[in-house]
Amino acid sequence: MDIDAPEKGIALHYGFITAKHAEWEKCVAGVREEGRGRLEELRRKLADAKHELDVIHSTILNLPYEVMAEMFNWHRSMGGSLTTLLLCANGGQQWRTVAPGFGSI
């Protein structure tokens, strides 16, 4: 009986296991890299959307109250909901300043 037989058998399988492990590690690295790429893409899209919202909000927040009052009147005359307008821009702070002159909501 060969006393080294079990070790020789293990050595044969060790090479196979090592190769499969390396293949698995490569696959995992690929998935991680793809995930990082997708995450960066989503971050860029979010930053672009935030920039667009900042531009929209800053424009609305800079409107004079008289212009906002005209918009308010037009929206109401078109059958629009006052509540909808109050939800606009910065939690509706600007609209809420203009709204009291227009009756109950």
PDB file of N, CA and C in Angstrom:
ATOM      1  N   MET A   1       0.833  -1.172   0.000  1.00  0.00           N
ATOM      2  CA  MET A   1       0.000   0.000   0.000  1.00  0.00           C
ATOM      3  C   MET A   1       0.882   1.242   0.000  1.00  0.00           C
ATOM      4  N   ASP A   2       0.484   2.183  -0.849  1.00  0.00           N
ATOM      5  CA  ASP A   2       1.238   3.432  -0.970  1.00  0.00           C
ATOM      6  C   ASP A   2       0.710   4.420   0.059  1.00  0.00           C
ATOM      7  N   ILE A   3       1.561   4.779   0.987  1.00  0.00           N
ATOM      8  CA  ILE A   3       1.157   5.680   2.069  1.00  0.00           C
ATOM      9  C   ILE A   3       0.875   7.098   1.568  1.00  0.00           C
ATOM     10  N   ASP A   4       1.457   7.452   0.423  1.00  0.00           N
ATOM     11  CA  ASP A   4       1.265   8.803  -0.134  1.00  0.00           C
ATOM     12  C   ASP A   4       0.077   8.887  -1.096  1.00  0.00           C
ATOM     13  N   ALA A   5      -0.634   7.801  -1.303  1.00  0.00           N
ATOM     14  CA  ALA A   5      -1.751   7.772  -2.254  1.00  0.00           C
ATOM     15  C   ALA A   5      -2.819   8.825  -1.941  1.00  0.00           C
ATOM     16  N   PRO A   6      -3.263   8.970  -0.703  1.00  0.00           N
ATOM     17  CA  PRO A   6      -4.282   9.996  -0.433  1.00  0.00           C
ATOM     18  C   PRO A   6      -3.795  11.400  -0.764  1.00  0.00           C
ATOM     19  N   GLU A   7      -2.552  11.696  -0.450  1.00  0.00           N
ATOM     20  CA  GLU A   7      -2.008  13.022  -0.746  1.00  0.00           C
ATOM     21  C   GLU A   7      -1.912  13.252  -2.246  1.00  0.00           C
ATOM     22  N   LYS A   8      -1.570  12.206  -3.006  1.00  0.00           N
ATOM     23  CA  LYS A   8      -1.500  12.335  -4.461  1.00  0.00           C
ATOM     24  C   LYS A   8      -2.900  12.613  -5.028  1.00  0.00           C
ATOM     25  N   GLY A   9      -3.898  11.945  -4.486  1.00  0.00           N
ATOM     26  CA  GLY A   9      -5.282  12.178  -4.921  1.00  0.00           C
ATOM     27  C   GLY A   9      -5.725  13.598  -4.615  1.00  0.00           C
ATOM     28  N   ILE A  10      -5.371  14.066  -3.454  1.00  0.00           N
ATOM     29  CA  ILE A  10      -5.708  15.431  -3.062  1.00  0.00           C
ATOM     30  C   ILE A  10      -4.990  16.420  -3.964  1.00  0.00           C
ATOM     31  N   ALA A  11      -3.742  16.154  -4.285  1.00  0.00           N
ATOM     32  CA  ALA A  11      -2.960  17.038  -5.149  1.00  0.00           C
ATOM     33  C   ALA A  11      -3.611  17.159  -6.521  1.00  0.00           C
ATOM     34  N   LEU A  12      -4.143  16.059  -7.041  1.00  0.00           N
ATOM     35  CA  LEU A  12      -4.825  16.104  -8.340  1.00  0.00           C
ATOM     36  C   LEU A  12      -6.059  17.011  -8.276  1.00  0.00           C
ATOM     37  N   HIS A  13      -6.809  16.885  -7.212  1.00  0.00           N
ATOM     38  CA  HIS A  13      -8.013  17.700  -7.051  1.00  0.00           C
ATOM     39  C   HIS A  13      -7.682  19.140  -6.670  1.00  0.00           C
ATOM     40  N   TYR A  14      -6.585  19.343  -6.009  1.00  0.00           N
ATOM     41  CA  TYR A  14      -6.191  20.685  -5.574  1.00  0.00           C
ATOM     42  C   TYR A  14      -6.013  21.603  -6.785  1.00  0.00           C
ATOM     43  N   GLY A  15      -5.362  21.101  -7.824  1.00  0.00           N
ATOM     44  CA  GLY A  15      -5.176  21.901  -9.036  1.00  0.00           C
ATOM     45  C   GLY A  15      -6.504  22.290  -9.656  1.00  0.00           C
ATOM     46  N   PHE A  16      -7.443  21.346  -9.711  1.00  0.00           N
ATOM     47  CA  PHE A  16      -8.766  21.606 -10.259  1.00  0.00           C
ATOM     48  C   PHE A  16      -9.507  22.640  -9.409  1.00  0.00           C
ATOM     49  N   ILE A  17      -9.469  22.441  -8.102  1.00  0.00           N
ATOM     50  CA  ILE A  17     -10.153  23.354  -7.181  1.00  0.00           C
ATOM     51  C   ILE A  17      -9.555  24.749  -7.280  1.00  0.00           C
ATOM     52  N   THR A  18      -8.247  24.844  -7.344  1.00  0.00           N
ATOM     53  CA  THR A  18      -7.581  26.139  -7.445  1.00  0.00           C
ATOM     54  C   THR A  18      -7.983  26.852  -8.730  1.00  0.00           C
ATOM     55  N   ALA A  19      -8.031  26.127  -9.837  1.00  0.00           N
ATOM     56  CA  ALA A  19      -8.428  26.717 -11.118  1.00  0.00           C
ATOM     57  C   ALA A  19      -9.878  27.202 -11.061  1.00  0.00           C
ATOM     58  N   LYS A  20     -10.764  26.396 -10.486  1.00  0.00           N
ATOM     59  CA  LYS A  20     -12.177  26.796 -10.365  1.00  0.00           C
ATOM     60  C   LYS A  20     -12.323  28.014  -9.448  1.00  0.00           C
ATOM     61  N   HIS A  21     -11.544  28.036  -8.383  1.00  0.00           N
ATOM     62  CA  HIS A  21     -11.592  29.177  -7.462  1.00  0.00           C
ATOM     63  C   HIS A  21     -11.131  30.456  -8.171  1.00  0.00           C
ATOM     64  N   ALA A  22     -10.073  30.358  -8.952  1.00  0.00           N
ATOM     65  CA  ALA A  22      -9.582  31.521  -9.699  1.00  0.00           C
ATOM     66  C   ALA A  22     -10.635  31.995 -10.699  1.00  0.00           C
ATOM     67  N   GLU A  23     -11.309  31.055 -11.344  1.00  0.00           N
ATOM     68  CA  GLU A  23     -12.374  31.381 -12.294  1.00  0.00           C
ATOM     69  C   GLU A  23     -13.524  32.093 -11.570  1.00  0.00           C
ATOM     70  N   TRP A  24     -13.875  31.573 -10.409  1.00  0.00           N
ATOM     71  CA  TRP A  24     -14.945  32.178  -9.604  1.00  0.00           C
ATOM     72  C   TRP A  24     -14.568  33.593  -9.171  1.00  0.00           C
ATOM     73  N   GLU A  25     -13.329  33.772  -8.720  1.00  0.00           N
ATOM     74  CA  GLU A  25     -12.859  35.102  -8.307  1.00  0.00           C
ATOM     75  C   GLU A  25     -12.924  36.089  -9.464  1.00  0.00           C
ATOM     76  N   LYS A  26     -12.569  35.635 -10.663  1.00  0.00           N
ATOM     77  CA  LYS A  26     -12.618  36.488 -11.852  1.00  0.00           C
ATOM     78  C   LYS A  26     -14.061  36.888 -12.150  1.00  0.00           C
ATOM     79  N   CYS A  27     -14.975  35.938 -12.028  1.00  0.00           N
ATOM     80  CA  CYS A  27     -16.396  36.205 -12.249  1.00  0.00           C
ATOM     81  C   CYS A  27     -16.924  37.223 -11.234  1.00  0.00           C
ATOM     82  N   VAL A  28     -16.584  37.038  -9.986  1.00  0.00           N
ATOM     83  CA  VAL A  28     -17.020  37.952  -8.926  1.00  0.00           C
ATOM     84  C   VAL A  28     -16.463  39.354  -9.184  1.00  0.00           C
ATOM     85  N   ALA A  29     -15.206  39.443  -9.585  1.00  0.00           N
ATOM     86  CA  ALA A  29     -14.594  40.741  -9.879  1.00  0.00           C
ATOM     87  C   ALA A  29     -15.318  41.422 -11.034  1.00  0.00           C
ATOM     88  N   GLY A  30     -15.710  40.650 -12.044  1.00  0.00           N
ATOM     89  CA  GLY A  30     -16.452  41.208 -13.173  1.00  0.00           C
ATOM     90  C   GLY A  30     -17.796  41.764 -12.758  1.00  0.00           C
ATOM     91  N   VAL A  31     -18.492  41.031 -11.900  1.00  0.00           N
ATOM     92  CA  VAL A  31     -19.798  41.493 -11.409  1.00  0.00           C
ATOM     93  C   VAL A  31     -19.629  42.762 -10.585  1.00  0.00           C
ATOM     94  N   ARG A  32     -18.619  42.787  -9.748  1.00  0.00           N
ATOM     95  CA  ARG A  32     -18.366  43.996  -8.937  1.00  0.00           C
ATOM     96  C   ARG A  32     -18.070  45.190  -9.822  1.00  0.00           C
ATOM     97  N   GLU A  33     -17.254  44.986 -10.849  1.00  0.00           N
ATOM     98  CA  GLU A  33     -16.887  46.089 -11.743  1.00  0.00           C
ATOM     99  C   GLU A  33     -18.116  46.591 -12.506  1.00  0.00           C
ATOM    100  N   GLU A  34     -18.948  45.663 -12.961  1.00  0.00           N
ATOM    101  CA  GLU A  34     -20.177  46.059 -13.643  1.00  0.00           C
ATOM    102  C   GLU A  34     -21.080  46.855 -12.700  1.00  0.00           C
ATOM    103  N   GLY A  35     -21.164  46.400 -11.456  1.00  0.00           N
ATOM    104  CA  GLY A  35     -21.971  47.113 -10.458  1.00  0.00           C
ATOM    105  C   GLY A  35     -21.441  48.514 -10.201  1.00  0.00           C
ATOM    106  N   ARG A  36     -20.118  48.634 -10.120  1.00  0.00           N
ATOM    107  CA  ARG A  36     -19.529  49.967  -9.921  1.00  0.00           C
ATOM    108  C   ARG A  36     -19.851  50.884 -11.093  1.00  0.00           C
ATOM    109  N   GLY A  37     -19.763  50.340 -12.298  1.00  0.00           N
ATOM    110  CA  GLY A  37     -20.076  51.134 -13.493  1.00  0.00           C
ATOM    111  C   GLY A  37     -21.519  51.602 -13.492  1.00  0.00           C
ATOM    112  N   ARG A  38     -22.434  50.697 -13.157  1.00  0.00           N
ATOM    113  CA  ARG A  38     -23.849  51.064 -13.109  1.00  0.00           C
ATOM    114  C   ARG A  38     -24.115  52.082 -12.011  1.00  0.00           C
ATOM    115  N   LEU A  39     -23.461  51.914 -10.880  1.00  0.00           N
ATOM    116  CA  LEU A  39     -23.631  52.850  -9.774  1.00  0.00           C
ATOM    117  C   LEU A  39     -23.147  54.242 -10.163  1.00  0.00           C
ATOM    118  N   GLU A  40     -22.001  54.316 -10.838  1.00  0.00           N
ATOM    119  CA  GLU A  40     -21.488  55.610 -11.290  1.00  0.00           C
ATOM    120  C   GLU A  40     -22.435  56.256 -12.293  1.00  0.00           C
ATOM    121  N   GLU A  41     -22.991  55.442 -13.188  1.00  0.00           N
ATOM    122  CA  GLU A  41     -23.946  55.963 -14.167  1.00  0.00           C
ATOM    123  C   GLU A  41     -25.175  56.531 -13.469  1.00  0.00           C
ATOM    124  N   LEU A  42     -25.685  55.810 -12.464  1.00  0.00           N
ATOM    125  CA  LEU A  42     -26.840  56.293 -11.713  1.00  0.00           C
ATOM    126  C   LEU A  42     -26.506  57.560 -10.930  1.00  0.00           C
ATOM    127  N   ARG A  43     -25.306  57.622 -10.380  1.00  0.00           N
ATOM    128  CA  ARG A  43     -24.891  58.836  -9.664  1.00  0.00           C
ATOM    129  C   ARG A  43     -24.835  60.033 -10.601  1.00  0.00           C
ATOM    130  N   ARG A  44     -24.314  59.821 -11.828  1.00  0.00           N
ATOM    131  CA  ARG A  44     -24.256  60.914 -12.803  1.00  0.00           C
ATOM    132  C   ARG A  44     -25.663  61.376 -13.169  1.00  0.00           C
ATOM    133  N   LYS A  45     -26.573  60.403 -13.412  1.00  0.00           N
ATOM    134  CA  LYS A  45     -27.955  60.754 -13.758  1.00  0.00           C
ATOM    135  C   LYS A  45     -28.613  61.519 -12.617  1.00  0.00           C
ATOM    136  N   LEU A  46     -28.380  61.086 -11.391  1.00  0.00           N
ATOM    137  CA  LEU A  46     -28.950  61.763 -10.232  1.00  0.00           C
ATOM    138  C   LEU A  46     -28.405  63.183 -10.106  1.00  0.00           C
ATOM    139  N   ALA A  47     -27.111  63.338 -10.323  1.00  0.00           N
ATOM    140  CA  ALA A  47     -26.502  64.669 -10.250  1.00  0.00           C
ATOM    141  C   ALA A  47     -27.086  65.570 -11.338  1.00  0.00           C
ATOM    142  N   ASP A  48     -27.272  65.026 -12.546  1.00  0.00           N
ATOM    143  CA  ASP A  48     -27.868  65.816 -13.634  1.00  0.00           C
ATOM    144  C   ASP A  48     -29.294  66.215 -13.286  1.00  0.00           C
ATOM    145  N   ALA A  49     -30.073  65.257 -12.763  1.00  0.00           N
ATOM    146  CA  ALA A  49     -31.461  65.551 -12.400  1.00  0.00           C
ATOM    147  C   ALA A  49     -31.516  66.590 -11.286  1.00  0.00           C
ATOM    148  N   LYS A  50     -30.620  66.472 -10.308  1.00  0.00           N
ATOM    149  CA  LYS A  50     -30.588  67.440  -9.212  1.00  0.00           C
ATOM    150  C   LYS A  50     -30.259  68.821  -9.743  1.00  0.00           C
ATOM    151  N   HIS A  51     -29.320  68.876 -10.680  1.00  0.00           N
ATOM    152  CA  HIS A  51     -28.956  70.168 -11.270  1.00  0.00           C
ATOM    153  C   HIS A  51     -30.160  70.772 -11.989  1.00  0.00           C
ATOM    154  N   GLU A  52     -30.878  69.938 -12.759  1.00  0.00           N
ATOM    155  CA  GLU A  52     -32.065  70.429 -13.455  1.00  0.00           C
ATOM    156  C   GLU A  52     -33.109  70.930 -12.468  1.00  0.00           C
ATOM    157  N   LEU A  53     -33.316  70.201 -11.383  1.00  0.00           N
ATOM    158  CA  LEU A  53     -34.284  70.631 -10.374  1.00  0.00           C
ATOM    159  C   LEU A  53     -33.838  71.919  -9.696  1.00  0.00           C
ATOM    160  N   ASP A  54     -32.541  72.041  -9.437  1.00  0.00           N
ATOM    161  CA  ASP A  54     -32.025  73.266  -8.832  1.00  0.00           C
ATOM    162  C   ASP A  54     -32.299  74.462  -9.728  1.00  0.00           C
ATOM    163  N   VAL A  55     -32.105  74.277 -11.038  1.00  0.00           N
ATOM    164  CA  VAL A  55     -32.356  75.361 -11.984  1.00  0.00           C
ATOM    165  C   VAL A  55     -33.837  75.724 -11.977  1.00  0.00           C
ATOM    166  N   ILE A  56     -34.706  74.699 -11.995  1.00  0.00           N
ATOM    167  CA  ILE A  56     -36.150  74.960 -11.989  1.00  0.00           C
ATOM    168  C   ILE A  56     -36.552  75.659 -10.693  1.00  0.00           C
ATOM    169  N   HIS A  57     -36.108  75.132  -9.571  1.00  0.00           N
ATOM    170  CA  HIS A  57     -36.480  75.733  -8.290  1.00  0.00           C
ATOM    171  C   HIS A  57     -35.953  77.147  -8.166  1.00  0.00           C
ATOM    172  N   SER A  58     -34.723  77.362  -8.579  1.00  0.00           N
ATOM    173  CA  SER A  58     -34.178  78.701  -8.415  1.00  0.00           C
ATOM    174  C   SER A  58     -34.951  79.701  -9.261  1.00  0.00           C
ATOM    175  N   THR A  59     -35.423  79.280 -10.446  1.00  0.00           N
ATOM    176  CA  THR A  59     -36.207  80.169 -11.296  1.00  0.00           C
ATOM    177  C   THR A  59     -37.538  80.490 -10.633  1.00  0.00           C
ATOM    178  N   ILE A  60     -38.213  79.487 -10.126  1.00  0.00           N
ATOM    179  CA  ILE A  60     -39.505  79.700  -9.481  1.00  0.00           C
ATOM    180  C   ILE A  60     -39.346  80.577  -8.242  1.00  0.00           C
ATOM    181  N   LEU A  61     -38.298  80.321  -7.487  1.00  0.00           N
ATOM    182  CA  LEU A  61     -38.112  81.081  -6.254  1.00  0.00           C
ATOM    183  C   LEU A  61     -37.773  82.542  -6.506  1.00  0.00           C
ATOM    184  N   ASN A  62     -37.319  82.865  -7.698  1.00  0.00           N
ATOM    185  CA  ASN A  62     -36.959  84.245  -8.012  1.00  0.00           C
ATOM    186  C   ASN A  62     -38.084  85.030  -8.658  1.00  0.00           C
ATOM    187  N   LEU A  63     -39.234  84.407  -8.867  1.00  0.00           N
ATOM    188  CA  LEU A  63     -40.357  85.119  -9.467  1.00  0.00           C
ATOM    189  C   LEU A  63     -40.917  86.143  -8.487  1.00  0.00           C
ATOM    190  N   PRO A  64     -41.258  87.318  -8.994  1.00  0.00           N
ATOM    191  CA  PRO A  64     -41.922  88.308  -8.123  1.00  0.00           C
ATOM    192  C   PRO A  64     -43.313  87.793  -7.739  1.00  0.00           C
ATOM    193  N   TYR A  65     -43.793  88.222  -6.594  1.00  0.00           N
ATOM    194  CA  TYR A  65     -45.100  87.775  -6.121  1.00  0.00           C
ATOM    195  C   TYR A  65     -46.216  88.148  -7.096  1.00  0.00           C
ATOM    196  N   GLU A  66     -46.074  89.280  -7.769  1.00  0.00           N
ATOM    197  CA  GLU A  66     -47.108  89.693  -8.721  1.00  0.00           C
ATOM    198  C   GLU A  66     -47.241  88.680  -9.864  1.00  0.00           C
ATOM    199  N   VAL A  67     -46.102  88.191 -10.343  1.00  0.00           N
ATOM    200  CA  VAL A  67     -46.126  87.197 -11.423  1.00  0.00           C
ATOM    201  C   VAL A  67     -46.731  85.896 -10.903  1.00  0.00           C
ATOM    202  N   MET A  68     -46.358  85.525  -9.700  1.00  0.00           N
ATOM    203  CA  MET A  68     -46.913  84.306  -9.118  1.00  0.00           C
ATOM    204  C   MET A  68     -48.419  84.438  -8.930  1.00  0.00           C
ATOM    205  N   ALA A  69     -48.885  85.624  -8.540  1.00  0.00           N
ATOM    206  CA  ALA A  69     -50.322  85.849  -8.360  1.00  0.00           C
ATOM    207  C   ALA A  69     -51.047  85.699  -9.688  1.00  0.00           C
ATOM    208  N   GLU A  70     -50.452  86.201 -10.767  1.00  0.00           N
ATOM    209  CA  GLU A  70     -51.059  86.042 -12.093  1.00  0.00           C
ATOM    210  C   GLU A  70     -51.127  84.561 -12.485  1.00  0.00           C
ATOM    211  N   MET A  71     -50.068  83.820 -12.196  1.00  0.00           N
ATOM    212  CA  MET A  71     -50.059  82.394 -12.487  1.00  0.00           C
ATOM    213  C   MET A  71     -51.146  81.687 -11.677  1.00  0.00           C
ATOM    214  N   PHE A  72     -51.270  82.097 -10.436  1.00  0.00           N
ATOM    215  CA  PHE A  72     -52.269  81.530  -9.547  1.00  0.00           C
ATOM    216  C   PHE A  72     -53.669  81.771 -10.111  1.00  0.00           C
ATOM    217  N   ASN A  73     -53.944  83.022 -10.529  1.00  0.00           N
ATOM    218  CA  ASN A  73     -55.248  83.368 -11.106  1.00  0.00           C
ATOM    219  C   ASN A  73     -55.514  82.561 -12.368  1.00  0.00           C
ATOM    220  N   TRP A  74     -54.519  82.455 -13.239  1.00  0.00           N
ATOM    221  CA  TRP A  74     -54.691  81.719 -14.491  1.00  0.00           C
ATOM    222  C   TRP A  74     -54.980  80.250 -14.198  1.00  0.00           C
ATOM    223  N   HIS A  75     -54.215  79.674 -13.286  1.00  0.00           N
ATOM    224  CA  HIS A  75     -54.399  78.257 -12.954  1.00  0.00           C
ATOM    225  C   HIS A  75     -55.809  78.009 -12.421  1.00  0.00           C
ATOM    226  N   ARG A  76     -56.279  78.876 -11.556  1.00  0.00           N
ATOM    227  CA  ARG A  76     -57.641  78.733 -11.006  1.00  0.00           C
ATOM    228  C   ARG A  76     -58.688  78.917 -12.088  1.00  0.00           C
ATOM    229  N   SER A  77     -58.479  79.882 -13.008  1.00  0.00           N
ATOM    230  CA  SER A  77     -59.465  80.124 -14.056  1.00  0.00           C
ATOM    231  C   SER A  77     -59.544  78.957 -15.037  1.00  0.00           C
ATOM    232  N   MET A  78     -58.476  78.167 -15.120  1.00  0.00           N
ATOM    233  CA  MET A  78     -58.457  76.998 -15.996  1.00  0.00           C
ATOM    234  C   MET A  78     -59.003  75.758 -15.274  1.00  0.00           C
ATOM    235  N   GLY A  79     -59.493  75.947 -14.061  1.00  0.00           N
ATOM    236  CA  GLY A  79     -60.083  74.846 -13.316  1.00  0.00           C
ATOM    237  C   GLY A  79     -59.067  74.032 -12.527  1.00  0.00           C
ATOM    238  N   GLY A  80     -57.867  74.549 -12.395  1.00  0.00           N
ATOM    239  CA  GLY A  80     -56.821  73.839 -11.666  1.00  0.00           C
ATOM    240  C   GLY A  80     -57.031  73.881 -10.168  1.00  0.00           C
ATOM    241  N   SER A  81     -56.460  72.931  -9.508  1.00  0.00           N
ATOM    242  CA  SER A  81     -56.567  72.829  -8.057  1.00  0.00           C
ATOM    243  C   SER A  81     -55.551  73.751  -7.388  1.00  0.00           C
ATOM    244  N   LEU A  82     -55.996  74.466  -6.396  1.00  0.00           N
ATOM    245  CA  LEU A  82     -55.079  75.327  -5.651  1.00  0.00           C
ATOM    246  C   LEU A  82     -54.047  74.495  -4.897  1.00  0.00           C
ATOM    247  N   THR A  83     -54.482  73.339  -4.448  1.00  0.00           N
ATOM    248  CA  THR A  83     -53.572  72.452  -3.717  1.00  0.00           C
ATOM    249  C   THR A  83     -52.388  72.066  -4.588  1.00  0.00           C
ATOM    250  N   THR A  84     -52.632  71.841  -5.882  1.00  0.00           N
ATOM    251  CA  THR A  84     -51.552  71.488  -6.800  1.00  0.00           C
ATOM    252  C   THR A  84     -50.494  72.576  -6.834  1.00  0.00           C
ATOM    253  N   LEU A  85     -50.938  73.801  -6.933  1.00  0.00           N
ATOM    254  CA  LEU A  85     -49.974  74.910  -6.953  1.00  0.00           C
ATOM    255  C   LEU A  85     -49.204  75.022  -5.649  1.00  0.00           C
ATOM    256  N   LEU A  86     -49.875  74.766  -4.555  1.00  0.00           N
ATOM    257  CA  LEU A  86     -49.218  74.897  -3.261  1.00  0.00           C
ATOM    258  C   LEU A  86     -48.143  73.837  -3.048  1.00  0.00           C
ATOM    259  N   LEU A  87     -48.183  72.783  -3.831  1.00  0.00           N
ATOM    260  CA  LEU A  87     -47.167  71.736  -3.722  1.00  0.00           C
ATOM    261  C   LEU A  87     -45.915  72.064  -4.540  1.00  0.00           C
ATOM    262  N   CYS A  88     -45.989  73.106  -5.340  1.00  0.00           N
ATOM    263  CA  CYS A  88     -44.861  73.463  -6.212  1.00  0.00           C
ATOM    264  C   CYS A  88     -43.755  74.161  -5.433  1.00  0.00           C
ATOM    265  N   ALA A  89     -42.571  74.046  -5.947  1.00  0.00           N
ATOM    266  CA  ALA A  89     -41.393  74.816  -5.548  1.00  0.00           C
ATOM    267  C   ALA A  89     -41.167  74.977  -4.057  1.00  0.00           C
ATOM    268  N   ASN A  90     -40.140  74.374  -3.603  1.00  0.00           N
ATOM    269  CA  ASN A  90     -39.654  74.565  -2.245  1.00  0.00           C
ATOM    270  C   ASN A  90     -40.731  74.325  -1.194  1.00  0.00           C
ATOM    271  N   GLY A  91     -41.483  73.255  -1.377  1.00  0.00           N
ATOM    272  CA  GLY A  91     -42.522  72.926  -0.412  1.00  0.00           C
ATOM    273  C   GLY A  91     -43.681  73.896  -0.444  1.00  0.00           C
ATOM    274  N   GLY A  92     -43.755  74.732  -1.481  1.00  0.00           N
ATOM    275  CA  GLY A  92     -44.869  75.655  -1.626  1.00  0.00           C
ATOM    276  C   GLY A  92     -44.748  76.942  -0.840  1.00  0.00           C
ATOM    277  N   GLN A  93     -43.597  77.219  -0.275  1.00  0.00           N
ATOM    278  CA  GLN A  93     -43.450  78.432   0.541  1.00  0.00           C
ATOM    279  C   GLN A  93     -43.830  79.697  -0.231  1.00  0.00           C
ATOM    280  N   GLN A  94     -43.325  79.830  -1.458  1.00  0.00           N
ATOM    281  CA  GLN A  94     -43.625  81.021  -2.241  1.00  0.00           C
ATOM    282  C   GLN A  94     -45.119  81.110  -2.541  1.00  0.00           C
ATOM    283  N   TRP A  95     -45.715  79.993  -2.934  1.00  0.00           N
ATOM    284  CA  TRP A  95     -47.133  79.997  -3.258  1.00  0.00           C
ATOM    285  C   TRP A  95     -47.977  80.293  -2.021  1.00  0.00           C
ATOM    286  N   ARG A  96     -47.567  79.776  -0.894  1.00  0.00           N
ATOM    287  CA  ARG A  96     -48.349  80.005   0.330  1.00  0.00           C
ATOM    288  C   ARG A  96     -48.337  81.478   0.737  1.00  0.00           C
ATOM    289  N   THR A  97     -47.310  82.179   0.342  1.00  0.00           N
ATOM    290  CA  THR A  97     -47.262  83.616   0.633  1.00  0.00           C
ATOM    291  C   THR A  97     -48.267  84.349  -0.237  1.00  0.00           C
ATOM    292  N   VAL A  98     -48.429  83.904  -1.485  1.00  0.00           N
ATOM    293  CA  VAL A  98     -49.335  84.545  -2.430  1.00  0.00           C
ATOM    294  C   VAL A  98     -50.769  84.083  -2.201  1.00  0.00           C
ATOM    295  N   ALA A  99     -50.968  82.816  -1.806  1.00  0.00           N
ATOM    296  CA  ALA A  99     -52.279  82.181  -1.760  1.00  0.00           C
ATOM    297  C   ALA A  99     -53.321  82.830  -0.849  1.00  0.00           C
ATOM    298  N   PRO A 100     -52.959  83.372   0.309  1.00  0.00           N
ATOM    299  CA  PRO A 100     -54.015  83.874   1.192  1.00  0.00           C
ATOM    300  C   PRO A 100     -54.977  84.856   0.562  1.00  0.00           C
ATOM    301  N   GLY A 101     -54.555  85.603  -0.434  1.00  0.00           N
ATOM    302  CA  GLY A 101     -55.436  86.543  -1.110  1.00  0.00           C
ATOM    303  C   GLY A 101     -56.439  85.883  -2.034  1.00  0.00           C
ATOM    304  N   PHE A 102     -56.405  84.553  -2.129  1.00  0.00           N
ATOM    305  CA  PHE A 102     -57.245  83.863  -3.087  1.00  0.00           C
ATOM    306  C   PHE A 102     -58.292  82.973  -2.424  1.00  0.00           C
ATOM    307  N   GLY A 103     -58.599  83.206  -1.214  1.00  0.00           N
ATOM    308  CA  GLY A 103     -59.645  82.446  -0.544  1.00  0.00           C
ATOM    309  C   GLY A 103     -59.141  81.104  -0.016  1.00  0.00           C
ATOM    310  N   SER A 104     -60.100  80.284   0.418  1.00  0.00           N
ATOM    311  CA  SER A 104     -59.740  79.011   1.026  1.00  0.00           C
ATOM    312  C   SER A 104     -59.322  78.001  -0.039  1.00  0.00           C
ATOM    313  N   ILE A 105     -58.564  77.030   0.404  1.00  0.00           N
ATOM    314  CA  ILE A 105     -58.032  76.038  -0.525  1.00  0.00           C
ATOM    315  C   ILE A 105     -58.874  74.796  -0.486  1.00  0.00           C
TER     316      ILE A 105
END
